[in-house]
Amino acid sequence: MDLILWRHAEAEDTAQSDLARQLTARGRKQAQAAAKWLRQRLPPDTVILASPAARTVQTVESLTDQYRTVDSIGPGAAPEAVLAAAQWPDGPAQTVLVVGHQPTLGLIASQLVAGEAAEWTIKKGALWWLASRERGDARRGGALQVIVRAVVPPDLI
């Protein structure tokens, strides 16, 4: 399974509530650039999950209107809740894209890549594309490995 972590693009600092924060003009450009990059690479059957926060919805809508908002992956979500929503490592599809928040996405990346939770920073608008694979015979204790396929910060798209 491939798991893509996409942090929402730059958002305004304040709003009526945290969930209501909107993307800035710069954030809209970041989201559009990342969406263009993703469109060239995503399989057509990719499952896309987004936090219900306005800034994540605006980010994902730069890519598609075919996504599902999931309350359990909103701001402050536990990494385990996000991985459960994505059904990692077996997934509802070969590729799952999660549009979410820090520090949750950084904690997920560190757990999957390094094997322990650490506060890794994922920049606003950045993408981390991870893949799982089974090494060795699963019947003989084969191990799940995580491969970093791409890390794409918004300033390099």
N, C-alpha and C. Protein backbone atom coordinates (compact mmCIF):
# COMPACT_ATOMS: atom_id res chain seq x y z
N MET A 1 0.84 -1.19 0.00
CA MET A 1 0.00 0.00 0.00
C MET A 1 0.88 1.24 0.00
N ASP A 2 0.46 2.24 -0.73
CA ASP A 2 1.10 3.55 -0.70
C ASP A 2 0.25 4.47 0.18
N LEU A 3 0.93 5.21 1.04
CA LEU A 3 0.27 6.19 1.90
C LEU A 3 0.90 7.54 1.63
N ILE A 4 0.08 8.49 1.20
CA ILE A 4 0.57 9.84 0.94
C ILE A 4 0.05 10.75 2.03
N LEU A 5 0.96 11.43 2.69
CA LEU A 5 0.61 12.40 3.73
C LEU A 5 0.76 13.79 3.12
N TRP A 6 -0.31 14.55 3.09
CA TRP A 6 -0.29 15.90 2.51
C TRP A 6 -0.73 16.86 3.60
N ARG A 7 0.20 17.69 4.04
CA ARG A 7 -0.17 18.69 5.04
C ARG A 7 -0.89 19.83 4.33
N HIS A 8 -1.93 20.32 4.95
CA HIS A 8 -2.66 21.44 4.35
C HIS A 8 -1.70 22.58 4.03
N ALA A 9 -2.06 23.36 3.05
CA ALA A 9 -1.24 24.50 2.63
C ALA A 9 -1.37 25.63 3.65
N GLU A 10 -0.61 26.70 3.42
CA GLU A 10 -0.57 27.82 4.36
C GLU A 10 -1.97 28.38 4.59
N ALA A 11 -2.28 28.57 5.88
CA ALA A 11 -3.61 29.09 6.26
C ALA A 11 -3.46 30.33 7.11
N GLU A 12 -4.55 31.08 7.17
CA GLU A 12 -4.56 32.26 8.03
C GLU A 12 -4.35 31.85 9.48
N ASP A 13 -3.78 32.77 10.26
CA ASP A 13 -3.46 32.47 11.65
C ASP A 13 -4.67 32.44 12.57
N THR A 14 -5.65 33.26 12.27
CA THR A 14 -6.82 33.34 13.15
C THR A 14 -8.10 33.29 12.34
N ALA A 15 -9.13 32.82 13.02
CA ALA A 15 -10.48 32.77 12.44
C ALA A 15 -11.44 32.59 13.61
N GLN A 16 -12.71 32.49 13.31
CA GLN A 16 -13.73 32.30 14.34
C GLN A 16 -13.45 31.06 15.18
N SER A 17 -12.91 30.02 14.52
CA SER A 17 -12.50 28.80 15.22
C SER A 17 -11.34 28.19 14.44
N ASP A 18 -10.64 27.26 15.06
CA ASP A 18 -9.52 26.61 14.38
C ASP A 18 -10.01 25.89 13.12
N LEU A 19 -11.16 25.25 13.19
CA LEU A 19 -11.67 24.52 12.02
C LEU A 19 -12.06 25.45 10.87
N ALA A 20 -12.31 26.72 11.16
CA ALA A 20 -12.75 27.67 10.14
C ALA A 20 -11.59 28.38 9.42
N ARG A 21 -10.36 28.16 9.87
CA ARG A 21 -9.22 28.86 9.24
C ARG A 21 -9.14 28.53 7.75
N GLN A 22 -8.99 29.57 6.93
CA GLN A 22 -8.96 29.46 5.47
C GLN A 22 -7.53 29.52 4.94
N LEU A 23 -7.33 29.02 3.73
CA LEU A 23 -6.03 29.16 3.08
C LEU A 23 -5.78 30.63 2.73
N THR A 24 -4.51 31.01 2.79
CA THR A 24 -4.10 32.33 2.33
C THR A 24 -3.93 32.27 0.81
N ALA A 25 -3.66 33.40 0.19
CA ALA A 25 -3.38 33.41 -1.26
C ALA A 25 -2.17 32.54 -1.56
N ARG A 26 -1.15 32.64 -0.72
CA ARG A 26 0.04 31.78 -0.90
C ARG A 26 -0.34 30.32 -0.73
N GLY A 27 -1.19 30.02 0.25
CA GLY A 27 -1.63 28.65 0.48
C GLY A 27 -2.39 28.08 -0.71
N ARG A 28 -3.23 28.89 -1.34
CA ARG A 28 -3.95 28.42 -2.53
C ARG A 28 -2.98 28.07 -3.65
N LYS A 29 -1.93 28.87 -3.81
CA LYS A 29 -0.91 28.58 -4.83
C LYS A 29 -0.16 27.30 -4.49
N GLN A 30 0.20 27.12 -3.21
CA GLN A 30 0.87 25.89 -2.78
C GLN A 30 0.00 24.67 -3.08
N ALA A 31 -1.27 24.75 -2.72
CA ALA A 31 -2.18 23.63 -2.93
C ALA A 31 -2.33 23.31 -4.41
N GLN A 32 -2.45 24.33 -5.25
CA GLN A 32 -2.58 24.11 -6.68
C GLN A 32 -1.34 23.47 -7.28
N ALA A 33 -0.14 23.89 -6.81
CA ALA A 33 1.10 23.31 -7.32
C ALA A 33 1.22 21.84 -6.91
N ALA A 34 0.91 21.54 -5.65
CA ALA A 34 0.97 20.16 -5.19
C ALA A 34 -0.06 19.30 -5.92
N ALA A 35 -1.25 19.86 -6.14
CA ALA A 35 -2.29 19.12 -6.85
C ALA A 35 -1.86 18.79 -8.28
N LYS A 36 -1.21 19.73 -8.93
CA LYS A 36 -0.71 19.49 -10.28
C LYS A 36 0.31 18.36 -10.28
N TRP A 37 1.21 18.36 -9.30
CA TRP A 37 2.22 17.32 -9.16
C TRP A 37 1.54 15.96 -8.94
N LEU A 38 0.55 15.93 -8.04
CA LEU A 38 -0.15 14.69 -7.72
C LEU A 38 -0.94 14.15 -8.91
N ARG A 39 -1.61 15.03 -9.66
CA ARG A 39 -2.44 14.60 -10.79
C ARG A 39 -1.65 13.76 -11.78
N GLN A 40 -0.38 14.07 -11.93
CA GLN A 40 0.47 13.35 -12.89
C GLN A 40 0.89 11.98 -12.36
N ARG A 41 0.65 11.70 -11.06
CA ARG A 41 1.20 10.51 -10.44
C ARG A 41 0.19 9.59 -9.75
N LEU A 42 -0.93 10.12 -9.34
CA LEU A 42 -1.89 9.33 -8.57
C LEU A 42 -2.61 8.30 -9.44
N PRO A 43 -2.72 7.08 -8.94
CA PRO A 43 -3.57 6.11 -9.64
C PRO A 43 -5.03 6.57 -9.59
N PRO A 44 -5.82 6.21 -10.58
CA PRO A 44 -7.21 6.68 -10.62
C PRO A 44 -8.08 6.16 -9.47
N ASP A 45 -7.70 5.05 -8.84
CA ASP A 45 -8.51 4.50 -7.75
C ASP A 45 -8.03 4.92 -6.37
N THR A 46 -7.23 5.97 -6.29
CA THR A 46 -6.72 6.47 -5.01
C THR A 46 -7.88 6.87 -4.11
N VAL A 47 -7.82 6.44 -2.85
CA VAL A 47 -8.80 6.85 -1.85
C VAL A 47 -8.24 8.10 -1.17
N ILE A 48 -9.04 9.16 -1.10
CA ILE A 48 -8.58 10.44 -0.54
C ILE A 48 -9.41 10.77 0.69
N LEU A 49 -8.71 10.98 1.80
CA LEU A 49 -9.33 11.30 3.08
C LEU A 49 -8.83 12.66 3.53
N ALA A 50 -9.73 13.49 4.03
CA ALA A 50 -9.33 14.82 4.49
C ALA A 50 -9.93 15.11 5.85
N SER A 51 -9.19 15.87 6.62
CA SER A 51 -9.70 16.42 7.87
C SER A 51 -10.89 17.33 7.53
N PRO A 52 -11.82 17.50 8.46
CA PRO A 52 -12.95 18.40 8.18
C PRO A 52 -12.62 19.89 8.29
N ALA A 53 -11.39 20.24 8.67
CA ALA A 53 -11.01 21.65 8.78
C ALA A 53 -11.07 22.33 7.41
N ALA A 54 -11.52 23.58 7.38
CA ALA A 54 -11.66 24.32 6.12
C ALA A 54 -10.37 24.33 5.31
N ARG A 55 -9.23 24.51 5.97
CA ARG A 55 -7.95 24.60 5.26
C ARG A 55 -7.57 23.29 4.58
N THR A 56 -7.93 22.14 5.18
CA THR A 56 -7.63 20.87 4.51
C THR A 56 -8.61 20.61 3.37
N VAL A 57 -9.86 20.99 3.57
CA VAL A 57 -10.85 20.83 2.50
C VAL A 57 -10.45 21.71 1.31
N GLN A 58 -10.04 22.93 1.55
CA GLN A 58 -9.61 23.81 0.45
C GLN A 58 -8.36 23.24 -0.23
N THR A 59 -7.46 22.66 0.56
CA THR A 59 -6.25 22.05 -0.02
C THR A 59 -6.62 20.91 -0.95
N VAL A 60 -7.43 19.96 -0.47
CA VAL A 60 -7.78 18.79 -1.28
C VAL A 60 -8.64 19.17 -2.48
N GLU A 61 -9.48 20.19 -2.34
CA GLU A 61 -10.32 20.59 -3.46
C GLU A 61 -9.54 21.20 -4.61
N SER A 62 -8.28 21.57 -4.36
CA SER A 62 -7.43 22.00 -5.47
C SER A 62 -7.08 20.80 -6.37
N LEU A 63 -7.23 19.60 -5.82
CA LEU A 63 -6.94 18.36 -6.56
C LEU A 63 -8.20 17.73 -7.14
N THR A 64 -9.24 17.60 -6.32
CA THR A 64 -10.44 16.86 -6.74
C THR A 64 -11.61 17.16 -5.81
N ASP A 65 -12.79 16.79 -6.28
CA ASP A 65 -13.95 16.84 -5.39
C ASP A 65 -14.34 15.42 -4.95
N GLN A 66 -13.52 14.45 -5.30
CA GLN A 66 -13.75 13.05 -4.94
C GLN A 66 -12.91 12.68 -3.72
N TYR A 67 -13.39 13.08 -2.55
CA TYR A 67 -12.69 12.81 -1.30
C TYR A 67 -13.73 12.64 -0.21
N ARG A 68 -13.29 12.15 0.94
CA ARG A 68 -14.18 11.98 2.08
C ARG A 68 -13.57 12.67 3.28
N THR A 69 -14.35 13.50 3.98
CA THR A 69 -13.86 14.08 5.22
C THR A 69 -14.08 13.08 6.35
N VAL A 70 -13.09 13.03 7.25
CA VAL A 70 -13.11 12.07 8.35
C VAL A 70 -12.80 12.84 9.63
N ASP A 71 -13.78 12.91 10.51
CA ASP A 71 -13.61 13.67 11.76
C ASP A 71 -12.41 13.20 12.57
N SER A 72 -12.13 11.90 12.55
CA SER A 72 -11.06 11.36 13.40
C SER A 72 -9.66 11.75 12.94
N ILE A 73 -9.53 12.42 11.79
CA ILE A 73 -8.20 12.85 11.35
C ILE A 73 -8.07 14.38 11.40
N GLY A 74 -8.94 15.03 12.14
CA GLY A 74 -8.91 16.48 12.28
C GLY A 74 -7.73 16.95 13.11
N PRO A 75 -7.66 18.27 13.36
CA PRO A 75 -6.56 18.82 14.15
C PRO A 75 -6.45 18.12 15.50
N GLY A 76 -5.22 17.79 15.87
CA GLY A 76 -4.96 17.14 17.15
C GLY A 76 -5.21 15.64 17.15
N ALA A 77 -5.48 15.06 16.00
CA ALA A 77 -5.75 13.63 15.91
C ALA A 77 -4.55 12.82 16.36
N ALA A 78 -4.82 11.67 16.92
CA ALA A 78 -3.76 10.73 17.27
C ALA A 78 -3.27 10.07 15.99
N PRO A 79 -1.97 9.83 15.87
CA PRO A 79 -1.46 9.14 14.67
C PRO A 79 -2.19 7.81 14.42
N GLU A 80 -2.50 7.09 15.49
CA GLU A 80 -3.19 5.80 15.35
C GLU A 80 -4.57 5.96 14.70
N ALA A 81 -5.24 7.07 14.98
CA ALA A 81 -6.56 7.32 14.39
C ALA A 81 -6.44 7.56 12.89
N VAL A 82 -5.41 8.26 12.49
CA VAL A 82 -5.20 8.52 11.06
C VAL A 82 -4.84 7.23 10.34
N LEU A 83 -3.94 6.45 10.93
CA LEU A 83 -3.56 5.18 10.31
C LEU A 83 -4.75 4.22 10.24
N ALA A 84 -5.61 4.25 11.26
CA ALA A 84 -6.81 3.41 11.23
C ALA A 84 -7.76 3.87 10.12
N ALA A 85 -7.93 5.17 9.97
CA ALA A 85 -8.80 5.69 8.91
C ALA A 85 -8.28 5.30 7.53
N ALA A 86 -6.96 5.29 7.37
CA ALA A 86 -6.33 4.92 6.10
C ALA A 86 -6.24 3.40 5.92
N GLN A 87 -6.52 2.66 7.00
CA GLN A 87 -6.43 1.21 7.03
C GLN A 87 -5.02 0.72 6.70
N TRP A 88 -4.02 1.42 7.22
CA TRP A 88 -2.62 1.07 7.04
C TRP A 88 -2.32 -0.25 7.75
N PRO A 89 -1.58 -1.17 7.15
CA PRO A 89 -0.90 -1.10 5.85
C PRO A 89 -1.64 -1.77 4.70
N ASP A 90 -2.85 -2.25 4.95
CA ASP A 90 -3.57 -2.98 3.90
C ASP A 90 -4.45 -2.10 3.04
N GLY A 91 -5.02 -1.06 3.61
CA GLY A 91 -5.75 -0.03 2.88
C GLY A 91 -6.98 -0.49 2.13
N PRO A 92 -7.89 0.45 1.88
CA PRO A 92 -9.07 0.18 1.07
C PRO A 92 -8.74 0.23 -0.43
N ALA A 93 -7.54 0.70 -0.75
CA ALA A 93 -7.06 0.79 -2.13
C ALA A 93 -5.54 0.70 -2.09
N GLN A 94 -4.92 0.54 -3.24
CA GLN A 94 -3.45 0.48 -3.29
C GLN A 94 -2.83 1.79 -2.81
N THR A 95 -3.51 2.94 -3.06
CA THR A 95 -2.98 4.23 -2.65
C THR A 95 -4.04 4.99 -1.85
N VAL A 96 -3.63 5.49 -0.69
CA VAL A 96 -4.49 6.32 0.15
C VAL A 96 -3.77 7.64 0.38
N LEU A 97 -4.46 8.73 0.12
CA LEU A 97 -3.95 10.08 0.33
C LEU A 97 -4.69 10.67 1.52
N VAL A 98 -3.92 11.13 2.51
CA VAL A 98 -4.50 11.75 3.71
C VAL A 98 -4.09 13.22 3.72
N VAL A 99 -5.06 14.11 3.79
CA VAL A 99 -4.80 15.54 3.90
C VAL A 99 -5.06 15.93 5.35
N GLY A 100 -4.00 16.31 6.06
CA GLY A 100 -4.14 16.54 7.49
C GLY A 100 -3.25 17.62 8.04
N HIS A 101 -2.85 17.42 9.29
CA HIS A 101 -2.25 18.47 10.11
C HIS A 101 -0.97 18.02 10.81
N GLN A 102 -0.21 19.01 11.22
CA GLN A 102 0.91 18.82 12.14
C GLN A 102 0.37 18.95 13.54
N PRO A 103 0.95 18.33 14.52
CA PRO A 103 2.12 17.46 14.45
C PRO A 103 1.80 16.01 14.08
N THR A 104 0.52 15.71 13.86
CA THR A 104 0.12 14.32 13.60
C THR A 104 0.85 13.71 12.41
N LEU A 105 0.90 14.42 11.28
CA LEU A 105 1.53 13.84 10.10
C LEU A 105 3.01 13.57 10.31
N GLY A 106 3.69 14.47 11.01
CA GLY A 106 5.11 14.25 11.32
C GLY A 106 5.32 13.05 12.22
N LEU A 107 4.43 12.87 13.18
CA LEU A 107 4.51 11.71 14.07
C LEU A 107 4.29 10.42 13.29
N ILE A 108 3.36 10.44 12.34
CA ILE A 108 3.12 9.26 11.50
C ILE A 108 4.35 8.95 10.66
N ALA A 109 4.90 9.96 10.01
CA ALA A 109 6.08 9.75 9.16
C ALA A 109 7.23 9.17 9.97
N SER A 110 7.48 9.72 11.16
CA SER A 110 8.59 9.22 11.97
C SER A 110 8.35 7.78 12.43
N GLN A 111 7.12 7.49 12.83
CA GLN A 111 6.79 6.13 13.29
C GLN A 111 6.99 5.12 12.17
N LEU A 112 6.50 5.44 10.98
CA LEU A 112 6.59 4.50 9.88
C LEU A 112 7.99 4.37 9.32
N VAL A 113 8.70 5.48 9.21
CA VAL A 113 10.03 5.45 8.60
C VAL A 113 11.11 5.03 9.59
N ALA A 114 11.09 5.60 10.80
CA ALA A 114 12.17 5.34 11.76
C ALA A 114 11.78 4.32 12.84
N GLY A 115 10.51 3.97 12.90
CA GLY A 115 10.09 2.97 13.87
C GLY A 115 9.79 3.50 15.26
N GLU A 116 9.84 4.83 15.42
CA GLU A 116 9.48 5.42 16.71
C GLU A 116 8.92 6.82 16.48
N ALA A 117 8.00 7.19 17.34
CA ALA A 117 7.38 8.51 17.22
C ALA A 117 8.36 9.60 17.61
N ALA A 118 8.49 10.58 16.74
CA ALA A 118 9.31 11.76 16.99
C ALA A 118 8.61 12.93 16.32
N GLU A 119 8.91 14.12 16.77
CA GLU A 119 8.22 15.29 16.22
C GLU A 119 8.91 15.81 14.97
N TRP A 120 8.73 15.06 13.88
CA TRP A 120 9.25 15.49 12.59
C TRP A 120 8.34 16.59 12.05
N THR A 121 8.95 17.56 11.39
CA THR A 121 8.18 18.65 10.81
C THR A 121 7.89 18.37 9.35
N ILE A 122 6.65 18.47 8.99
CA ILE A 122 6.23 18.44 7.59
C ILE A 122 5.74 19.84 7.27
N LYS A 123 6.39 20.48 6.30
CA LYS A 123 6.06 21.86 5.96
C LYS A 123 4.63 21.97 5.43
N LYS A 124 4.05 23.13 5.62
CA LYS A 124 2.71 23.40 5.08
C LYS A 124 2.73 23.21 3.57
N GLY A 125 1.79 22.43 3.07
CA GLY A 125 1.69 22.17 1.64
C GLY A 125 2.57 21.04 1.13
N ALA A 126 3.39 20.42 2.01
CA ALA A 126 4.32 19.37 1.58
C ALA A 126 3.64 18.01 1.49
N LEU A 127 4.26 17.13 0.72
CA LEU A 127 3.79 15.76 0.51
C LEU A 127 4.87 14.77 0.94
N TRP A 128 4.46 13.74 1.64
CA TRP A 128 5.34 12.60 1.94
C TRP A 128 4.65 11.38 1.36
N TRP A 129 5.32 10.68 0.44
CA TRP A 129 4.75 9.50 -0.20
C TRP A 129 5.51 8.29 0.32
N LEU A 130 4.81 7.45 1.06
CA LEU A 130 5.40 6.26 1.68
C LEU A 130 4.76 5.02 1.08
N ALA A 131 5.51 3.93 1.06
CA ALA A 131 4.98 2.66 0.56
C ALA A 131 5.36 1.55 1.52
N SER A 132 4.48 0.58 1.68
CA SER A 132 4.79 -0.58 2.51
C SER A 132 5.10 -1.76 1.60
N ARG A 133 5.94 -2.62 2.11
CA ARG A 133 6.21 -3.87 1.39
C ARG A 133 6.60 -4.93 2.41
N GLU A 134 6.31 -6.14 2.06
CA GLU A 134 6.63 -7.29 2.90
C GLU A 134 7.96 -7.86 2.42
N ARG A 135 8.91 -7.96 3.33
CA ARG A 135 10.22 -8.56 2.99
C ARG A 135 10.25 -9.97 3.55
N GLY A 136 10.62 -10.91 2.72
CA GLY A 136 10.68 -12.29 3.16
C GLY A 136 9.31 -12.93 3.11
N ASP A 137 9.25 -14.17 3.48
CA ASP A 137 8.03 -14.96 3.47
C ASP A 137 7.18 -14.60 4.69
N ALA A 138 5.98 -14.09 4.46
CA ALA A 138 5.09 -13.68 5.55
C ALA A 138 4.79 -14.85 6.48
N ARG A 139 4.76 -16.07 5.95
CA ARG A 139 4.49 -17.26 6.77
C ARG A 139 5.65 -17.58 7.70
N ARG A 140 6.81 -17.03 7.39
CA ARG A 140 8.01 -17.29 8.20
C ARG A 140 8.47 -16.04 8.93
N GLY A 141 7.53 -15.16 9.22
CA GLY A 141 7.89 -13.97 9.98
C GLY A 141 8.47 -12.84 9.16
N GLY A 142 8.09 -12.77 7.89
CA GLY A 142 8.54 -11.67 7.06
C GLY A 142 8.20 -10.33 7.70
N ALA A 143 9.00 -9.35 7.41
CA ALA A 143 8.83 -8.04 8.07
C ALA A 143 8.24 -7.01 7.11
N LEU A 144 7.38 -6.16 7.66
CA LEU A 144 6.84 -5.04 6.91
C LEU A 144 7.89 -3.95 6.86
N GLN A 145 8.20 -3.47 5.68
CA GLN A 145 9.13 -2.36 5.52
C GLN A 145 8.40 -1.17 4.93
N VAL A 146 8.90 0.01 5.28
CA VAL A 146 8.34 1.24 4.73
C VAL A 146 9.42 1.91 3.89
N ILE A 147 9.02 2.27 2.69
CA ILE A 147 9.93 2.91 1.74
C ILE A 147 9.46 4.34 1.54
N VAL A 148 10.38 5.27 1.57
CA VAL A 148 10.06 6.67 1.26
C VAL A 148 10.18 6.82 -0.26
N ARG A 149 9.04 7.02 -0.90
CA ARG A 149 9.04 7.17 -2.36
C ARG A 149 9.32 8.61 -2.76
N ALA A 150 8.82 9.57 -1.98
CA ALA A 150 9.04 10.97 -2.31
C ALA A 150 8.75 11.84 -1.08
N VAL A 151 9.51 12.90 -0.95
CA VAL A 151 9.23 13.98 -0.01
C VAL A 151 9.31 15.25 -0.84
N VAL A 152 8.18 15.94 -0.95
CA VAL A 152 8.10 17.07 -1.87
C VAL A 152 7.63 18.30 -1.10
N PRO A 153 8.56 19.23 -0.78
CA PRO A 153 8.14 20.47 -0.12
C PRO A 153 7.53 21.43 -1.17
N PRO A 154 6.67 22.31 -0.72
CA PRO A 154 5.96 23.17 -1.68
C PRO A 154 6.88 24.09 -2.47
N ASP A 155 8.01 24.46 -1.91
CA ASP A 155 8.90 25.37 -2.64
C ASP A 155 9.70 24.69 -3.74
N LEU A 156 9.61 23.35 -3.86
CA LEU A 156 10.31 22.65 -4.94
C LEU A 156 9.37 22.14 -6.04
N ILE A 157 8.10 22.46 -5.89
CA ILE A 157 7.14 22.02 -6.92
C ILE A 157 7.01 23.12 -7.96
